[in-house]
């Protein structure tokens, strides 16, 4: 995998996060339980609500999730013309009130390799390289955990870390997947005090409960 894919993007977004360390607050939605009421009427069948927000589709539609509408999408200037010609694509989303950043990249597997939709060796390699890159990108680096997930037969790996950037403590979660000739990575970066909102967004990406 190209070494610039994650590290250079982190350098850019970390600066944006640092600007909002003071006074930034997470914008979270509180879900209230629905009170049940007795009724003599037969309950009507309801159809599942359609997902709301901004649709993000990766790996030819195998990895799909939705980001809230208040995330502003922008290009990743770190991906130069040479990288684009090689098939590297990426976008940067930012939630301005909370200064949360979501970095989305998709790259070809090296040397024309292919992978199944839940390829253990490929995913292990991606996470190992990501861990090394993040260790050099953050001060006070700490690995918080790693998960193996399967979403609609697509294997996902989740890597959670914490660190500091210009004196600001942040949480960073990387979700990786691979299928066919390409890999997909989603990196969510939040202020450490926004842990609850950070976790909620990660769950939306992975589809976990």
C-alpha atoms as a PDB file:
ATOM      1  CA  UNK A   1       0.000   0.000   0.000  1.00  0.00           C
ATOM      2  CA  UNK A   2       1.317   3.495  -0.746  1.00  0.00           C
ATOM      3  CA  UNK A   3       2.772   4.952   2.435  1.00  0.00           C
ATOM      4  CA  UNK A   4       1.360   8.430   1.766  1.00  0.00           C
ATOM      5  CA  UNK A   5      -2.249   7.288   1.750  1.00  0.00           C
ATOM      6  CA  UNK A   6      -2.796   7.562   5.478  1.00  0.00           C
ATOM      7  CA  UNK A   7       0.143   9.441   6.941  1.00  0.00           C
ATOM      8  CA  UNK A   8       0.003  12.546   4.751  1.00  0.00           C
ATOM      9  CA  UNK A   9      -3.749  12.789   5.188  1.00  0.00           C
ATOM     10  CA  UNK A  10      -3.351  12.631   8.948  1.00  0.00           C
ATOM     11  CA  UNK A  11      -0.849  15.477   8.821  1.00  0.00           C
ATOM     12  CA  UNK A  12      -3.361  17.672   7.026  1.00  0.00           C
ATOM     13  CA  UNK A  13      -6.411  16.837   9.116  1.00  0.00           C
ATOM     14  CA  UNK A  14      -4.577  16.948  12.422  1.00  0.00           C
ATOM     15  CA  UNK A  15      -3.912  20.638  11.828  1.00  0.00           C
ATOM     16  CA  UNK A  16      -7.606  21.230  11.202  1.00  0.00           C
ATOM     17  CA  UNK A  17      -8.443  19.433  14.431  1.00  0.00           C
ATOM     18  CA  UNK A  18      -5.894  21.426  16.407  1.00  0.00           C
ATOM     19  CA  UNK A  19      -7.648  24.668  15.440  1.00  0.00           C
ATOM     20  CA  UNK A  20     -10.800  23.552  17.213  1.00  0.00           C
ATOM     21  CA  UNK A  21      -9.392  21.894  20.321  1.00  0.00           C
ATOM     22  CA  UNK A  22     -10.507  24.773  22.572  1.00  0.00           C
ATOM     23  CA  UNK A  23     -14.245  25.052  23.017  1.00  0.00           C
ATOM     24  CA  UNK A  24     -15.173  22.289  20.541  1.00  0.00           C
ATOM     25  CA  UNK A  25     -18.147  20.192  21.512  1.00  0.00           C
ATOM     26  CA  UNK A  26     -19.539  16.997  20.014  1.00  0.00           C
ATOM     27  CA  UNK A  27     -22.946  17.224  18.413  1.00  0.00           C
ATOM     28  CA  UNK A  28     -24.772  14.041  19.350  1.00  0.00           C
ATOM     29  CA  UNK A  29     -28.351  12.958  18.814  1.00  0.00           C
ATOM     30  CA  UNK A  30     -30.155  11.463  21.820  1.00  0.00           C
ATOM     31  CA  UNK A  31     -32.512   8.660  21.038  1.00  0.00           C
ATOM     32  CA  UNK A  32     -35.516   8.403  23.329  1.00  0.00           C
ATOM     33  CA  UNK A  33     -37.180   5.029  23.861  1.00  0.00           C
ATOM     34  CA  UNK A  34     -40.600   4.695  22.307  1.00  0.00           C
ATOM     35  CA  UNK A  35     -43.315   4.185  24.886  1.00  0.00           C
ATOM     36  CA  UNK A  36     -45.627   1.309  24.112  1.00  0.00           C
ATOM     37  CA  UNK A  37     -49.370   1.908  24.311  1.00  0.00           C
ATOM     38  CA  UNK A  38     -52.161  -0.632  24.248  1.00  0.00           C
ATOM     39  CA  UNK A  39     -54.525  -0.420  21.340  1.00  0.00           C
ATOM     40  CA  UNK A  40     -57.442  -2.451  20.065  1.00  0.00           C
ATOM     41  CA  UNK A  41     -56.487  -1.699  16.470  1.00  0.00           C
ATOM     42  CA  UNK A  42     -54.415  -4.108  14.433  1.00  0.00           C
ATOM     43  CA  UNK A  43     -50.859  -2.875  14.053  1.00  0.00           C
ATOM     44  CA  UNK A  44     -49.992  -1.777  10.563  1.00  0.00           C
ATOM     45  CA  UNK A  45     -46.991  -3.232   8.845  1.00  0.00           C
ATOM     46  CA  UNK A  46     -44.204  -0.721   8.493  1.00  0.00           C
ATOM     47  CA  UNK A  47     -41.388  -0.725   6.004  1.00  0.00           C
ATOM     48  CA  UNK A  48     -37.822  -0.113   7.210  1.00  0.00           C
ATOM     49  CA  UNK A  49     -36.853   3.525   7.092  1.00  0.00           C
ATOM     50  CA  UNK A  50     -34.461   4.442   4.341  1.00  0.00           C
ATOM     51  CA  UNK A  51     -30.962   5.394   5.512  1.00  0.00           C
ATOM     52  CA  UNK A  52     -30.495   9.129   5.800  1.00  0.00           C
ATOM     53  CA  UNK A  53     -27.414  11.248   5.329  1.00  0.00           C
ATOM     54  CA  UNK A  54     -24.630  11.214   2.778  1.00  0.00           C
ATOM     55  CA  UNK A  55     -24.087   7.870   1.116  1.00  0.00           C
ATOM     56  CA  UNK A  56     -20.495   6.653   0.843  1.00  0.00           C
ATOM     57  CA  UNK A  57     -19.919   3.664  -1.419  1.00  0.00           C
ATOM     58  CA  UNK A  58     -16.579   1.860  -1.670  1.00  0.00           C
ATOM     59  CA  UNK A  59     -15.224  -1.311  -3.236  1.00  0.00           C
ATOM     60  CA  UNK A  60     -17.792  -1.279  -6.003  1.00  0.00           C
ATOM     61  CA  UNK A  61     -20.723  -1.037  -3.615  1.00  0.00           C
ATOM     62  CA  UNK A  62     -19.617  -3.802  -1.235  1.00  0.00           C
ATOM     63  CA  UNK A  63     -18.821  -1.315   1.539  1.00  0.00           C
ATOM     64  CA  UNK A  64     -21.589   1.258   1.945  1.00  0.00           C
ATOM     65  CA  UNK A  65     -22.357   3.530   4.879  1.00  0.00           C
ATOM     66  CA  UNK A  66     -23.926   6.916   5.565  1.00  0.00           C
ATOM     67  CA  UNK A  67     -22.466  10.035   7.136  1.00  0.00           C
ATOM     68  CA  UNK A  68     -24.664  12.708   8.752  1.00  0.00           C
ATOM     69  CA  UNK A  69     -25.693  15.571   6.483  1.00  0.00           C
ATOM     70  CA  UNK A  70     -23.691  18.128   8.459  1.00  0.00           C
ATOM     71  CA  UNK A  71     -20.382  16.641   7.313  1.00  0.00           C
ATOM     72  CA  UNK A  72     -18.797  18.811   4.636  1.00  0.00           C
ATOM     73  CA  UNK A  73     -16.976  16.941   1.865  1.00  0.00           C
ATOM     74  CA  UNK A  74     -13.730  18.157   0.380  1.00  0.00           C
ATOM     75  CA  UNK A  75     -10.916  16.786  -1.821  1.00  0.00           C
ATOM     76  CA  UNK A  76      -7.682  15.362  -0.475  1.00  0.00           C
ATOM     77  CA  UNK A  77      -4.959  17.539  -1.943  1.00  0.00           C
ATOM     78  CA  UNK A  78      -2.304  15.100  -0.682  1.00  0.00           C
ATOM     79  CA  UNK A  79      -3.315  12.669  -3.431  1.00  0.00           C
ATOM     80  CA  UNK A  80      -1.332  13.974  -6.382  1.00  0.00           C
ATOM     81  CA  UNK A  81      -1.864  13.375 -10.098  1.00  0.00           C
ATOM     82  CA  UNK A  82       0.524  10.415 -10.136  1.00  0.00           C
ATOM     83  CA  UNK A  83      -1.400   8.696  -7.361  1.00  0.00           C
ATOM     84  CA  UNK A  84      -4.718   9.395  -9.050  1.00  0.00           C
ATOM     85  CA  UNK A  85      -3.379   7.879 -12.274  1.00  0.00           C
ATOM     86  CA  UNK A  86      -2.493   4.760 -10.267  1.00  0.00           C
ATOM     87  CA  UNK A  87      -6.090   4.466  -9.084  1.00  0.00           C
ATOM     88  CA  UNK A  88      -5.890   6.103  -5.655  1.00  0.00           C
ATOM     89  CA  UNK A  89      -9.021   8.050  -4.720  1.00  0.00           C
ATOM     90  CA  UNK A  90      -9.949   9.841  -1.518  1.00  0.00           C
ATOM     91  CA  UNK A  91     -12.219  12.337   0.173  1.00  0.00           C
ATOM     92  CA  UNK A  92     -12.144  14.288   3.410  1.00  0.00           C
ATOM     93  CA  UNK A  93     -15.309  14.986   5.387  1.00  0.00           C
ATOM     94  CA  UNK A  94     -15.429  17.390   8.313  1.00  0.00           C
ATOM     95  CA  UNK A  95     -18.058  18.072  10.938  1.00  0.00           C
ATOM     96  CA  UNK A  96     -17.424  21.731  11.636  1.00  0.00           C
ATOM     97  CA  UNK A  97     -19.214  22.127  15.007  1.00  0.00           C
ATOM     98  CA  UNK A  98     -17.314  19.199  16.558  1.00  0.00           C
ATOM     99  CA  UNK A  99     -14.173  19.422  14.386  1.00  0.00           C
ATOM    100  CA  UNK A 100     -14.501  15.702  13.621  1.00  0.00           C
ATOM    101  CA  UNK A 101     -12.716  14.492  10.494  1.00  0.00           C
ATOM    102  CA  UNK A 102     -13.446  11.452   8.352  1.00  0.00           C
ATOM    103  CA  UNK A 103     -10.784  10.472   5.805  1.00  0.00           C
ATOM    104  CA  UNK A 104     -11.857   8.033   3.104  1.00  0.00           C
ATOM    105  CA  UNK A 105      -9.350   6.424   0.746  1.00  0.00           C
ATOM    106  CA  UNK A 106      -9.464   3.574  -1.736  1.00  0.00           C
ATOM    107  CA  UNK A 107      -6.293   2.189  -3.302  1.00  0.00           C
ATOM    108  CA  UNK A 108      -5.299  -0.697  -5.568  1.00  0.00           C
ATOM    109  CA  UNK A 109      -3.627  -3.680  -3.971  1.00  0.00           C
ATOM    110  CA  UNK A 110       0.118  -3.710  -4.755  1.00  0.00           C
ATOM    111  CA  UNK A 111       1.568  -5.787  -7.596  1.00  0.00           C
ATOM    112  CA  UNK A 112      -1.827  -6.505  -9.115  1.00  0.00           C
ATOM    113  CA  UNK A 113      -2.822  -8.781  -6.241  1.00  0.00           C
ATOM    114  CA  UNK A 114      -6.407  -9.769  -5.550  1.00  0.00           C
ATOM    115  CA  UNK A 115      -8.173 -10.514  -2.287  1.00  0.00           C
ATOM    116  CA  UNK A 116     -11.360 -12.221  -1.226  1.00  0.00           C
ATOM    117  CA  UNK A 117     -13.991 -10.204   0.620  1.00  0.00           C
ATOM    118  CA  UNK A 118     -12.662 -11.440   3.959  1.00  0.00           C
ATOM    119  CA  UNK A 119      -8.967 -12.024   3.317  1.00  0.00           C
ATOM    120  CA  UNK A 120      -7.206 -12.465   6.654  1.00  0.00           C
ATOM    121  CA  UNK A 121      -3.666 -12.032   5.337  1.00  0.00           C
ATOM    122  CA  UNK A 122      -4.479  -8.852   3.424  1.00  0.00           C
ATOM    123  CA  UNK A 123      -6.364  -7.275   6.319  1.00  0.00           C
ATOM    124  CA  UNK A 124      -3.615  -8.219   8.797  1.00  0.00           C
ATOM    125  CA  UNK A 125      -1.044  -6.505   6.564  1.00  0.00           C
ATOM    126  CA  UNK A 126      -3.151  -3.354   6.194  1.00  0.00           C
ATOM    127  CA  UNK A 127      -3.641  -2.986   9.947  1.00  0.00           C
ATOM    128  CA  UNK A 128       0.019  -3.713  10.729  1.00  0.00           C
ATOM    129  CA  UNK A 129       1.175  -1.003   8.294  1.00  0.00           C
ATOM    130  CA  UNK A 130      -1.452   1.422   9.568  1.00  0.00           C
ATOM    131  CA  UNK A 131      -0.305   0.907  13.144  1.00  0.00           C
ATOM    132  CA  UNK A 132       3.292   1.692  12.224  1.00  0.00           C
ATOM    133  CA  UNK A 133       2.280   4.838  10.327  1.00  0.00           C
ATOM    134  CA  UNK A 134       0.086   6.106  13.147  1.00  0.00           C
ATOM    135  CA  UNK A 135       2.796   5.536  15.743  1.00  0.00           C
ATOM    136  CA  UNK A 136       4.965   8.017  13.845  1.00  0.00           C
ATOM    137  CA  UNK A 137       2.103  10.463  13.243  1.00  0.00           C
ATOM    138  CA  UNK A 138       1.003  11.063  16.825  1.00  0.00           C
ATOM    139  CA  UNK A 139       2.674  12.014  20.084  1.00  0.00           C
ATOM    140  CA  UNK A 140       1.642  10.116  23.225  1.00  0.00           C
ATOM    141  CA  UNK A 141       0.501   7.274  20.970  1.00  0.00           C
ATOM    142  CA  UNK A 142      -1.500   4.469  22.577  1.00  0.00           C
ATOM    143  CA  UNK A 143      -3.247   1.529  20.941  1.00  0.00           C
ATOM    144  CA  UNK A 144      -6.715   1.175  22.461  1.00  0.00           C
ATOM    145  CA  UNK A 145      -7.934  -1.929  20.691  1.00  0.00           C
ATOM    146  CA  UNK A 146      -8.492  -3.907  17.511  1.00  0.00           C
ATOM    147  CA  UNK A 147     -11.598  -5.677  16.233  1.00  0.00           C
ATOM    148  CA  UNK A 148     -12.424  -8.162  13.494  1.00  0.00           C
ATOM    149  CA  UNK A 149     -15.883  -7.628  12.023  1.00  0.00           C
ATOM    150  CA  UNK A 150     -17.933  -8.997   9.130  1.00  0.00           C
ATOM    151  CA  UNK A 151     -20.526  -6.808   7.456  1.00  0.00           C
ATOM    152  CA  UNK A 152     -22.639  -8.385   4.738  1.00  0.00           C
ATOM    153  CA  UNK A 153     -19.866 -10.954   4.086  1.00  0.00           C
ATOM    154  CA  UNK A 154     -17.236  -8.234   3.849  1.00  0.00           C
ATOM    155  CA  UNK A 155     -14.455  -8.536   6.387  1.00  0.00           C
ATOM    156  CA  UNK A 156     -13.582  -5.359   8.282  1.00  0.00           C
ATOM    157  CA  UNK A 157     -10.769  -4.526  10.673  1.00  0.00           C
ATOM    158  CA  UNK A 158     -11.109  -1.767  13.227  1.00  0.00           C
ATOM    159  CA  UNK A 159      -8.070  -0.183  14.869  1.00  0.00           C
ATOM    160  CA  UNK A 160      -8.594   2.281  17.735  1.00  0.00           C
ATOM    161  CA  UNK A 161      -5.784   4.533  18.978  1.00  0.00           C
ATOM    162  CA  UNK A 162      -5.302   7.738  20.925  1.00  0.00           C
ATOM    163  CA  UNK A 163      -2.633  10.387  20.657  1.00  0.00           C
ATOM    164  CA  UNK A 164      -1.970  14.087  20.744  1.00  0.00           C
ATOM    165  CA  UNK A 165      -1.484  16.676  18.006  1.00  0.00           C
ATOM    166  CA  UNK A 166      -0.104  20.129  18.851  1.00  0.00           C
ATOM    167  CA  UNK A 167      -1.112  19.575  22.465  1.00  0.00           C
ATOM    168  CA  UNK A 168      -4.641  18.423  21.638  1.00  0.00           C
ATOM    169  CA  UNK A 169      -5.693  14.895  22.617  1.00  0.00           C
ATOM    170  CA  UNK A 170      -7.480  12.978  19.857  1.00  0.00           C
ATOM    171  CA  UNK A 171      -9.068   9.607  19.195  1.00  0.00           C
ATOM    172  CA  UNK A 172      -8.493   7.903  15.858  1.00  0.00           C
ATOM    173  CA  UNK A 173     -10.299   4.860  14.507  1.00  0.00           C
ATOM    174  CA  UNK A 174      -9.321   3.202  11.247  1.00  0.00           C
ATOM    175  CA  UNK A 175     -11.688   0.773   9.520  1.00  0.00           C
ATOM    176  CA  UNK A 176     -10.134  -1.261   6.703  1.00  0.00           C
ATOM    177  CA  UNK A 177     -11.586  -3.611   4.090  1.00  0.00           C
ATOM    178  CA  UNK A 178     -10.403  -5.283   0.897  1.00  0.00           C
ATOM    179  CA  UNK A 179     -12.039  -7.035  -2.014  1.00  0.00           C
ATOM    180  CA  UNK A 180     -10.926  -7.869  -5.512  1.00  0.00           C
ATOM    181  CA  UNK A 181      -8.028  -5.656  -6.509  1.00  0.00           C
ATOM    182  CA  UNK A 182      -8.703  -2.776  -4.109  1.00  0.00           C
ATOM    183  CA  UNK A 183      -8.552  -1.820  -0.463  1.00  0.00           C
ATOM    184  CA  UNK A 184     -10.706   0.702   1.384  1.00  0.00           C
ATOM    185  CA  UNK A 185      -9.867   2.668   4.503  1.00  0.00           C
ATOM    186  CA  UNK A 186     -12.013   4.957   6.631  1.00  0.00           C
ATOM    187  CA  UNK A 187     -10.244   6.995   9.317  1.00  0.00           C
ATOM    188  CA  UNK A 188     -12.372   8.828  11.906  1.00  0.00           C
ATOM    189  CA  UNK A 189     -10.530  11.418  14.023  1.00  0.00           C
ATOM    190  CA  UNK A 190     -12.210  13.199  16.938  1.00  0.00           C
ATOM    191  CA  UNK A 191     -11.285  15.250  19.952  1.00  0.00           C
ATOM    192  CA  UNK A 192     -10.739  12.902  22.899  1.00  0.00           C
ATOM    193  CA  UNK A 193     -13.535  14.526  24.901  1.00  0.00           C
ATOM    194  CA  UNK A 194     -15.970  13.627  22.117  1.00  0.00           C
ATOM    195  CA  UNK A 195     -15.557   9.882  22.704  1.00  0.00           C
ATOM    196  CA  UNK A 196     -19.304   9.130  22.721  1.00  0.00           C
ATOM    197  CA  UNK A 197     -20.001  10.831  19.394  1.00  0.00           C
ATOM    198  CA  UNK A 198     -16.820   9.316  17.964  1.00  0.00           C
ATOM    199  CA  UNK A 199     -17.983   5.823  18.872  1.00  0.00           C
ATOM    200  CA  UNK A 200     -21.453   6.417  17.441  1.00  0.00           C
ATOM    201  CA  UNK A 201     -20.025   7.454  14.070  1.00  0.00           C
ATOM    202  CA  UNK A 202     -17.659   4.462  13.997  1.00  0.00           C
ATOM    203  CA  UNK A 203     -20.616   2.140  14.602  1.00  0.00           C
ATOM    204  CA  UNK A 204     -22.440   3.772  11.684  1.00  0.00           C
ATOM    205  CA  UNK A 205     -19.447   3.004   9.465  1.00  0.00           C
ATOM    206  CA  UNK A 206     -18.988  -0.598  10.591  1.00  0.00           C
ATOM    207  CA  UNK A 207     -22.655  -1.446  11.035  1.00  0.00           C
ATOM    208  CA  UNK A 208     -21.997  -2.799  14.527  1.00  0.00           C
ATOM    209  CA  UNK A 209     -24.382  -2.439  17.475  1.00  0.00           C
END
